[in-house]
Amino acid sequence: MTRRIRRTTTSLTALAATGFLASMAVAQDWNEEPPHGAAYDQTPAFEGQTRAPALESGNVDLEQTVVLDELEHPWGLVQMPDGDWLLTERPGRMRIVTNDGEMSDPIEGIPEVDARDQGGLHDVSIASDFDETRRVWWTYAEPRGDGENATAVATGILSEDGSTMEEVNVIWQQQPAWASTKHFGARIVHDGEGHIFVGLGERSDPEPRVYAQDPQSTLGKIIRINAEDGSPAGSGIDGALPEIWSMGHRNIQGAAMSPDGQLWMNEHGPRGGDELNLIEPGLNYGWPEATYGTEYNGDELGQTEVEGTQQPNYYWDPSPAISGMAFYEGDMFPEWQGHALIGGLRSGDIIRLQLEDGMVVGEARHAEGIGRVREIEVAQDGSLMVITDHENGQLIRITPEG
């Protein structure tokens, strides 16, 4: 089940900077569409905040190998120490997949999910001592009755034969529940100190989205909880629930720790305004009061700068619908060391960012046309593993050609 596609990452020719930009950043060919926010005279808050110069280094021919197809909207992916992968499908299935493309039956013991629309089974993560404990965490849209639902975090022990999730415990539940089928988040990141961060959506609709600014709600927040039991381990924001680490988020779709131990998360804007943020405790990231996006009908939505809120480190307009995220640490792509890799759902590619001192100093696009990239993981051998979010989604290995 291997396809070999010669995909040369575009050697991008610098184009003239647009009048929209406050910096001398060039507009790459993937950014030829005018920014939606230009109609409202939106301008970046600082140089390099959007449309960074095209990266000229690290452009390589890529080989794509389809490891597995006919997956139903795959969402989460993590490699186990033996080299096999745990993979989730939104309808509520978690499976084991080998590097040769053998797929297990669905693992038993996973709680019921609300799989309507953007709901379902989402991210999956394992303990650093998985070899001994076989501990797994996952996020999902939990049905709460009367059409309401919310993100929940569960943990369990994967049986030795990989067939069953045992000792399952729901350790955390988002509040309030809402009758919405959108914007659940919900990426998981371990901090290496016994805690997990979870990035949470604000449920999309105008009524619940305002809760992103409510410190007594966990809609539109990043939380930090103790991995063992879900008890709060937040930042101590005045007047906030004790698990809240930061607030003012829309719909977090990608998250990763950088090699230097900093937490980064990305989130969807509405129409334009996708954001990459360096997450620090106690900060307010602005949504829905501050945004570089517009309403889907084109109307103005919020302001780009609001006192007391944090500016995104980087934003995209138009929106590539960014998703899963990883920092590259491996041997196969030596020029990519430390670069952020982000999946594009709408753009159908892999976005590579070079970061320096919290700033994006260059951007490149790879594997254009691969499909709706939901998640990216760096495998133990340094290759990239990508899942595409389609009715017939795929697990794809990406390596340098040759």
Protein backbone atom coordinates (compact mmCIF):
# COMPACT_ATOMS: atom_id res chain seq x y z
CA MET A 1 0.00 0.00 0.00
CA THR A 2 2.82 2.36 -0.92
CA ARG A 3 2.63 5.34 -3.22
CA ARG A 4 5.67 7.30 -4.19
CA ILE A 5 4.95 10.90 -5.04
CA ARG A 6 7.65 13.34 -6.02
CA ARG A 7 6.66 16.40 -4.05
CA THR A 8 9.24 19.13 -4.16
CA THR A 9 8.52 21.66 -1.48
CA THR A 10 8.10 24.83 -3.47
CA SER A 11 11.28 26.83 -3.77
CA LEU A 12 9.38 29.98 -3.02
CA THR A 13 10.03 33.17 -4.91
CA ALA A 14 9.69 36.27 -2.83
CA LEU A 15 6.79 38.43 -3.92
CA ALA A 16 6.30 42.09 -3.17
CA ALA A 17 5.16 42.86 0.33
CA THR A 18 1.50 43.88 0.48
CA GLY A 19 0.43 47.27 1.77
CA PHE A 20 -1.37 45.38 4.56
CA LEU A 21 1.91 44.37 6.16
CA ALA A 22 3.59 46.46 8.81
CA SER A 23 6.89 44.69 8.09
CA MET A 24 8.99 43.84 5.06
CA ALA A 25 7.83 40.19 5.18
CA VAL A 26 7.18 38.75 1.73
CA ALA A 27 3.86 37.30 0.62
CA GLN A 28 4.37 33.68 -0.41
CA ASP A 29 2.36 32.04 -3.17
CA TRP A 30 0.14 30.34 -0.57
CA ASN A 31 -0.75 33.79 0.73
CA GLU A 32 -1.76 35.40 -2.55
CA GLU A 33 -5.37 35.68 -1.37
CA PRO A 34 -5.91 39.11 0.23
CA PRO A 35 -6.33 39.06 4.01
CA HIS A 36 -9.94 39.15 5.16
CA GLY A 37 -9.08 41.70 7.83
CA ALA A 38 -7.79 44.20 5.28
CA ALA A 39 -11.35 45.47 4.82
CA TYR A 40 -11.21 46.78 8.39
CA ASP A 41 -7.68 48.21 8.16
CA GLN A 42 -6.27 45.47 10.36
CA THR A 43 -2.51 45.70 10.75
CA PRO A 44 -0.11 43.45 12.66
CA ALA A 45 0.86 44.58 16.14
CA PHE A 46 4.55 44.02 15.43
CA GLU A 47 6.89 43.17 12.60
CA GLY A 48 6.82 39.51 11.58
CA GLN A 49 3.51 38.70 13.27
CA THR A 50 2.06 37.39 10.00
CA ARG A 51 3.21 36.34 6.50
CA ALA A 52 6.79 35.62 7.50
CA PRO A 53 9.48 35.40 4.82
CA ALA A 54 9.62 32.15 2.90
CA LEU A 55 12.19 29.67 4.18
CA GLU A 56 14.70 28.91 1.45
CA SER A 57 16.56 26.19 3.35
CA GLY A 58 15.28 22.72 4.12
CA ASN A 59 13.32 22.31 0.89
CA VAL A 60 13.54 18.62 0.01
CA ASP A 61 11.80 16.10 -2.21
CA LEU A 62 9.47 14.03 -0.06
CA GLU A 63 8.31 10.45 -0.33
CA GLN A 64 4.85 9.65 1.00
CA THR A 65 4.02 6.09 2.00
CA VAL A 66 0.42 5.29 2.86
CA VAL A 67 0.68 3.01 5.87
CA LEU A 68 -3.07 2.66 6.28
CA ASP A 69 -6.20 4.00 4.65
CA GLU A 70 -9.96 3.70 5.08
CA LEU A 71 -9.75 5.30 8.51
CA GLU A 72 -12.91 7.16 9.56
CA HIS A 73 -11.94 10.70 10.53
CA PRO A 74 -8.76 9.86 12.48
CA TRP A 75 -7.83 12.52 15.04
CA GLY A 76 -5.19 11.51 17.61
CA LEU A 77 -1.89 9.65 17.23
CA VAL A 78 0.93 8.66 19.56
CA GLN A 79 3.80 6.19 19.20
CA MET A 80 4.36 3.56 21.87
CA PRO A 81 7.83 2.43 22.96
CA ASP A 82 7.62 -0.77 20.87
CA GLY A 83 7.16 1.35 17.74
CA ASP A 84 3.45 0.69 17.26
CA TRP A 85 0.94 3.53 17.31
CA LEU A 86 -2.23 4.31 19.19
CA LEU A 87 -4.69 6.04 16.87
CA THR A 88 -8.16 7.45 17.51
CA GLU A 89 -11.10 7.79 15.13
CA ARG A 90 -13.76 10.36 15.90
CA PRO A 91 -16.71 7.91 15.93
CA GLY A 92 -15.25 6.56 19.18
CA ARG A 93 -12.68 3.96 18.22
CA MET A 94 -9.11 3.65 19.47
CA ARG A 95 -6.84 1.19 17.70
CA ILE A 96 -3.27 -0.08 17.60
CA VAL A 97 -1.52 0.30 14.24
CA THR A 98 1.83 -1.23 13.35
CA ASN A 99 4.41 0.42 11.11
CA ASP A 100 3.55 -2.23 8.52
CA GLY A 101 -0.07 -1.08 8.41
CA GLU A 102 -1.69 -3.82 10.46
CA MET A 103 -4.62 -2.46 12.43
CA SER A 104 -6.22 -3.94 15.52
CA ASP A 105 -9.90 -4.23 16.25
CA PRO A 106 -11.22 -1.28 18.28
CA ILE A 107 -9.91 -1.33 21.84
CA GLU A 108 -12.72 -2.20 24.26
CA GLY A 109 -13.57 -0.11 27.32
CA ILE A 110 -13.59 3.37 25.76
CA PRO A 111 -16.48 5.45 27.19
CA GLU A 112 -19.36 6.54 24.97
CA VAL A 113 -18.69 9.65 22.88
CA ASP A 114 -20.98 12.21 21.26
CA ALA A 115 -19.71 11.84 17.70
CA ARG A 116 -21.92 14.40 16.01
CA ASP A 117 -20.16 16.88 13.72
CA GLN A 118 -16.83 17.91 15.34
CA GLY A 119 -17.40 15.76 18.41
CA GLY A 120 -16.18 12.24 19.09
CA LEU A 121 -12.92 10.73 20.30
CA HIS A 122 -10.04 13.19 20.04
CA ASP A 123 -6.47 13.23 21.34
CA VAL A 124 -4.52 10.36 22.89
CA SER A 125 -1.33 10.39 24.98
CA ILE A 126 0.73 7.89 26.93
CA ALA A 127 2.82 7.97 30.10
CA SER A 128 6.58 8.44 29.89
CA ASP A 129 6.87 5.12 31.75
CA PHE A 130 4.34 3.38 29.52
CA ASP A 131 6.56 0.28 29.35
CA GLU A 132 5.87 -0.31 33.04
CA THR A 133 2.47 1.29 33.61
CA ARG A 134 0.71 1.09 30.19
CA ARG A 135 -1.10 4.29 31.24
CA VAL A 136 -3.07 6.16 28.53
CA TRP A 137 -4.99 9.46 28.51
CA TRP A 138 -7.52 10.67 25.95
CA THR A 139 -9.98 13.50 25.36
CA TYR A 140 -13.46 13.19 23.92
CA ALA A 141 -16.84 14.85 23.54
CA GLU A 142 -18.77 13.48 26.49
CA PRO A 143 -22.60 13.28 26.18
CA ARG A 144 -24.31 14.93 29.15
CA GLY A 145 -28.00 14.43 28.24
CA ASP A 146 -30.66 16.62 26.58
CA GLY A 147 -28.36 17.13 23.60
CA GLU A 148 -25.66 18.75 25.71
CA ASN A 149 -22.02 17.67 25.78
CA ALA A 150 -18.55 18.89 26.74
CA THR A 151 -14.93 17.85 26.57
CA ALA A 152 -13.79 15.25 29.10
CA VAL A 153 -10.41 13.73 29.97
CA ALA A 154 -10.17 10.03 30.76
CA THR A 155 -7.34 7.69 31.65
CA GLY A 156 -6.92 3.94 31.70
CA ILE A 157 -4.51 1.03 31.54
CA LEU A 158 -4.05 -0.70 28.18
CA SER A 159 -4.14 -4.45 28.66
CA GLU A 160 -1.01 -6.41 27.85
CA ASP A 161 -2.59 -7.86 24.73
CA GLY A 162 -3.77 -4.41 23.62
CA SER A 163 -7.41 -5.42 23.35
CA THR A 164 -8.95 -3.59 26.32
CA MET A 165 -8.66 -0.34 28.23
CA GLU A 166 -8.88 -1.28 31.90
CA GLU A 167 -9.37 0.75 35.09
CA VAL A 168 -10.94 3.56 33.06
CA ASN A 169 -11.58 6.74 35.01
CA VAL A 170 -12.96 10.07 33.80
CA ILE A 171 -10.67 12.46 35.66
CA TRP A 172 -11.87 15.84 34.40
CA GLN A 173 -15.01 17.33 32.80
CA GLN A 174 -15.43 20.70 31.11
CA GLN A 175 -18.11 23.01 32.50
CA PRO A 176 -20.62 24.16 31.56
CA ALA A 177 -21.93 21.57 29.13
CA TRP A 178 -23.59 23.01 26.04
CA ALA A 179 -25.91 21.90 23.23
CA SER A 180 -23.29 22.42 20.52
CA THR A 181 -21.46 20.06 18.19
CA LYS A 182 -18.40 22.26 17.60
CA HIS A 183 -15.16 23.51 19.16
CA PHE A 184 -14.19 20.86 21.70
CA GLY A 185 -10.41 21.35 21.40
CA ALA A 186 -8.78 19.19 22.79
CA ARG A 187 -5.04 18.52 22.67
CA ILE A 188 -3.07 16.99 25.54
CA VAL A 189 0.50 17.93 26.47
CA HIS A 190 2.52 16.52 29.38
CA ASP A 191 4.82 18.90 31.25
CA GLY A 192 7.21 16.21 32.49
CA GLU A 193 6.34 16.99 36.12
CA GLY A 194 3.24 14.88 36.56
CA HIS A 195 0.76 17.33 35.04
CA ILE A 196 -1.08 17.53 31.75
CA PHE A 197 -2.20 20.60 29.85
CA VAL A 198 -5.42 20.39 27.86
CA GLY A 199 -6.44 23.01 25.29
CA LEU A 200 -10.19 23.52 25.22
CA GLY A 201 -12.65 25.02 22.74
CA GLU A 202 -15.36 27.56 23.56
CA ARG A 203 -18.17 25.66 21.77
CA SER A 204 -18.42 28.08 18.80
CA ASP A 205 -21.89 29.59 19.13
CA PRO A 206 -22.25 33.28 20.10
CA GLU A 207 -23.88 32.40 23.44
CA PRO A 208 -21.18 30.11 24.84
CA ARG A 209 -18.18 31.82 23.25
CA VAL A 210 -18.34 34.65 25.77
CA TYR A 211 -17.46 32.10 28.46
CA ALA A 212 -13.89 32.18 27.10
CA GLN A 213 -13.59 35.38 29.17
CA ASP A 214 -15.30 33.90 32.26
CA PRO A 215 -12.75 32.69 34.83
CA GLN A 216 -15.42 30.50 36.44
CA SER A 217 -15.89 28.47 33.24
CA THR A 218 -13.50 26.15 31.42
CA LEU A 219 -14.80 26.99 27.93
CA GLY A 220 -12.05 28.55 25.84
CA LYS A 221 -9.31 27.80 28.35
CA ILE A 222 -6.08 25.89 28.79
CA ILE A 223 -6.10 23.87 31.97
CA ARG A 224 -3.34 22.16 33.89
CA ILE A 225 -4.34 19.17 35.99
CA ASN A 226 -2.56 16.42 37.84
CA ALA A 227 -2.25 13.53 35.43
CA GLU A 228 -3.03 10.88 38.02
CA ASP A 229 -6.41 12.09 39.20
CA GLY A 230 -7.34 15.28 37.32
CA SER A 231 -7.11 17.51 40.38
CA PRO A 232 -6.31 21.19 39.69
CA ALA A 233 -2.73 22.32 39.13
CA GLY A 234 -3.40 25.68 37.47
CA SER A 235 -1.77 29.05 37.61
CA GLY A 236 -3.76 30.74 40.36
CA ILE A 237 -5.42 33.43 38.26
CA ASP A 238 -7.33 35.71 40.61
CA GLY A 239 -10.96 34.66 40.76
CA ALA A 240 -10.45 31.74 38.40
CA LEU A 241 -11.08 28.04 38.76
CA PRO A 242 -7.90 26.46 40.13
CA GLU A 243 -7.18 24.35 37.04
CA ILE A 244 -7.19 27.29 34.61
CA TRP A 245 -3.74 28.07 33.20
CA SER A 246 -4.74 30.65 30.57
CA MET A 247 -7.96 31.99 29.06
CA GLY A 248 -9.42 33.70 26.01
CA HIS A 249 -8.98 30.85 23.50
CA ARG A 250 -11.27 29.90 20.62
CA ASN A 251 -10.62 26.32 19.47
CA ILE A 252 -7.22 24.82 20.23
CA GLN A 253 -6.27 22.24 17.61
CA GLY A 254 -2.53 21.74 18.02
CA ALA A 255 -0.13 21.73 20.97
CA ALA A 256 3.44 20.74 21.72
CA MET A 257 6.39 21.39 24.01
CA SER A 258 9.34 22.95 22.19
CA PRO A 259 12.82 21.45 22.67
CA ASP A 260 13.58 24.19 25.21
CA GLY A 261 10.53 23.23 27.31
CA GLN A 262 8.11 25.98 26.30
CA LEU A 263 4.41 25.25 25.74
CA TRP A 264 3.01 26.25 22.36
CA MET A 265 -0.59 25.89 21.21
CA ASN A 266 -2.38 26.88 18.04
CA GLU A 267 -6.04 27.65 17.54
CA HIS A 268 -8.52 28.28 14.78
CA GLY A 269 -9.68 31.81 14.18
CA PRO A 270 -13.06 32.39 12.58
CA ARG A 271 -12.53 33.71 9.02
CA GLY A 272 -8.82 34.36 9.12
CA GLY A 273 -6.97 34.90 12.36
CA ASP A 274 -5.63 31.39 13.04
CA GLU A 275 -3.13 31.85 15.88
CA LEU A 276 0.12 30.39 17.18
CA ASN A 277 0.68 31.24 20.84
CA LEU A 278 3.48 30.76 23.33
CA ILE A 279 1.45 29.85 26.40
CA GLU A 280 2.32 31.40 29.74
CA PRO A 281 0.37 31.04 32.96
CA GLY A 282 -2.19 33.64 33.92
CA LEU A 283 -2.47 35.34 30.53
CA ASN A 284 -5.61 36.23 28.61
CA TYR A 285 -5.30 35.51 24.88
CA GLY A 286 -8.23 37.69 23.96
CA TRP A 287 -10.99 35.71 22.27
CA PRO A 288 -13.68 36.82 21.47
CA GLU A 289 -12.80 40.43 22.29
CA ALA A 290 -9.45 40.39 20.47
CA THR A 291 -8.97 38.63 17.13
CA TYR A 292 -7.46 39.03 13.68
CA GLY A 293 -10.40 37.13 12.20
CA THR A 294 -13.78 38.26 10.93
CA GLU A 295 -17.23 36.72 11.08
CA TYR A 296 -17.89 34.04 8.47
CA ASN A 297 -20.25 36.46 6.72
CA GLY A 298 -17.43 39.02 6.53
CA ASP A 299 -18.60 41.29 9.34
CA GLU A 300 -16.07 42.78 11.73
CA LEU A 301 -15.55 40.81 14.92
CA GLY A 302 -13.76 42.24 17.93
CA GLN A 303 -10.60 44.36 17.83
CA THR A 304 -7.05 43.33 17.03
CA GLU A 305 -5.65 44.87 20.20
CA VAL A 306 -7.44 44.95 23.54
CA GLU A 307 -5.81 46.14 26.75
CA GLY A 308 -5.02 43.28 29.12
CA THR A 309 -4.91 40.61 26.41
CA GLN A 310 -1.94 38.85 24.86
CA GLN A 311 -1.07 39.24 21.18
CA PRO A 312 -0.56 36.02 19.20
CA ASN A 313 3.07 35.28 18.43
CA TYR A 314 1.95 34.65 14.85
CA TYR A 315 -1.30 34.63 12.92
CA TRP A 316 -2.56 33.60 9.49
CA ASP A 317 -5.03 35.49 7.29
CA PRO A 318 -6.38 33.85 5.18
CA SER A 319 -6.73 30.81 7.39
CA PRO A 320 -5.09 27.46 6.59
CA ALA A 321 -7.24 25.90 9.37
CA ILE A 322 -4.21 24.82 11.39
CA SER A 323 -4.29 21.61 13.41
CA GLY A 324 -1.89 19.08 14.95
CA MET A 325 1.57 20.28 15.92
CA ALA A 326 5.02 18.87 16.67
CA PHE A 327 8.56 20.18 17.01
CA TYR A 328 11.05 18.36 14.84
CA GLU A 329 13.79 16.47 16.65
CA GLY A 330 15.26 13.73 14.49
CA ASP A 331 17.92 12.80 11.95
CA MET A 332 16.02 12.51 8.66
CA PHE A 333 15.51 16.25 8.18
CA PRO A 334 18.63 17.84 9.71
CA GLU A 335 17.78 21.39 8.58
CA TRP A 336 14.42 21.18 10.34
CA GLN A 337 15.83 20.74 13.85
CA GLY A 338 13.70 22.63 16.37
CA HIS A 339 11.25 23.84 13.74
CA ALA A 340 7.52 23.71 14.41
CA LEU A 341 5.46 21.51 12.10
CA ILE A 342 1.74 22.25 11.90
CA GLY A 343 -0.98 20.49 9.94
CA GLY A 344 -3.22 22.44 7.58
CA LEU A 345 -6.79 21.20 7.23
CA ARG A 346 -8.03 23.74 4.69
CA SER A 347 -4.63 24.26 3.08
CA GLY A 348 -3.97 20.50 2.85
CA ASP A 349 -0.27 20.65 3.66
CA ILE A 350 2.38 20.73 6.37
CA ILE A 351 3.40 24.18 7.58
CA ARG A 352 7.00 24.50 8.81
CA LEU A 353 7.97 27.45 10.99
CA GLN A 354 11.41 28.54 12.13
CA LEU A 355 11.21 30.18 15.56
CA GLU A 356 13.73 32.45 17.24
CA ASP A 357 13.14 34.06 20.64
CA GLY A 358 9.41 33.43 20.42
CA MET A 359 9.13 34.91 16.93
CA VAL A 360 8.40 33.24 13.60
CA VAL A 361 11.27 34.19 11.31
CA GLY A 362 10.39 31.97 8.35
CA GLU A 363 7.60 29.79 6.96
CA ALA A 364 7.50 26.97 4.40
CA ARG A 365 4.85 24.60 3.09
CA HIS A 366 5.41 20.90 2.38
CA ALA A 367 3.43 17.97 0.98
CA GLU A 368 0.90 20.28 -0.63
CA GLY A 369 -2.24 18.40 -1.64
CA ILE A 370 -1.75 15.60 0.88
CA GLY A 371 -5.23 16.13 2.37
CA ARG A 372 -6.68 17.54 5.59
CA VAL A 373 -3.72 17.12 7.94
CA ARG A 374 -5.21 16.55 11.39
CA GLU A 375 -2.11 15.47 13.32
CA ILE A 376 1.67 15.25 12.88
CA GLU A 377 4.02 13.14 14.98
CA VAL A 378 7.78 12.67 14.70
CA ALA A 379 8.49 8.94 14.73
CA GLN A 380 11.34 7.33 16.60
CA ASP A 381 13.33 7.02 13.35
CA GLY A 382 12.89 10.71 12.51
CA SER A 383 10.24 10.26 9.83
CA LEU A 384 6.95 12.14 10.01
CA MET A 385 3.66 10.35 10.61
CA VAL A 386 0.60 12.24 9.42
CA ILE A 387 -3.11 11.45 9.66
CA THR A 388 -5.63 12.99 7.29
CA ASP A 389 -9.10 13.79 8.54
CA HIS A 390 -11.47 12.40 5.91
CA GLU A 391 -14.26 9.85 5.76
CA ASN A 392 -11.56 7.64 4.22
CA GLY A 393 -8.63 9.08 6.12
CA GLN A 394 -5.05 7.87 5.89
CA LEU A 395 -1.99 7.31 8.04
CA ILE A 396 0.99 8.46 5.96
CA ARG A 397 4.73 8.20 6.57
CA ILE A 398 6.83 11.02 5.15
CA THR A 399 10.56 10.63 4.50
CA PRO A 400 13.14 12.37 2.30
CA GLU A 401 13.09 10.95 -1.20
CA GLY A 402 15.96 8.75 -2.24
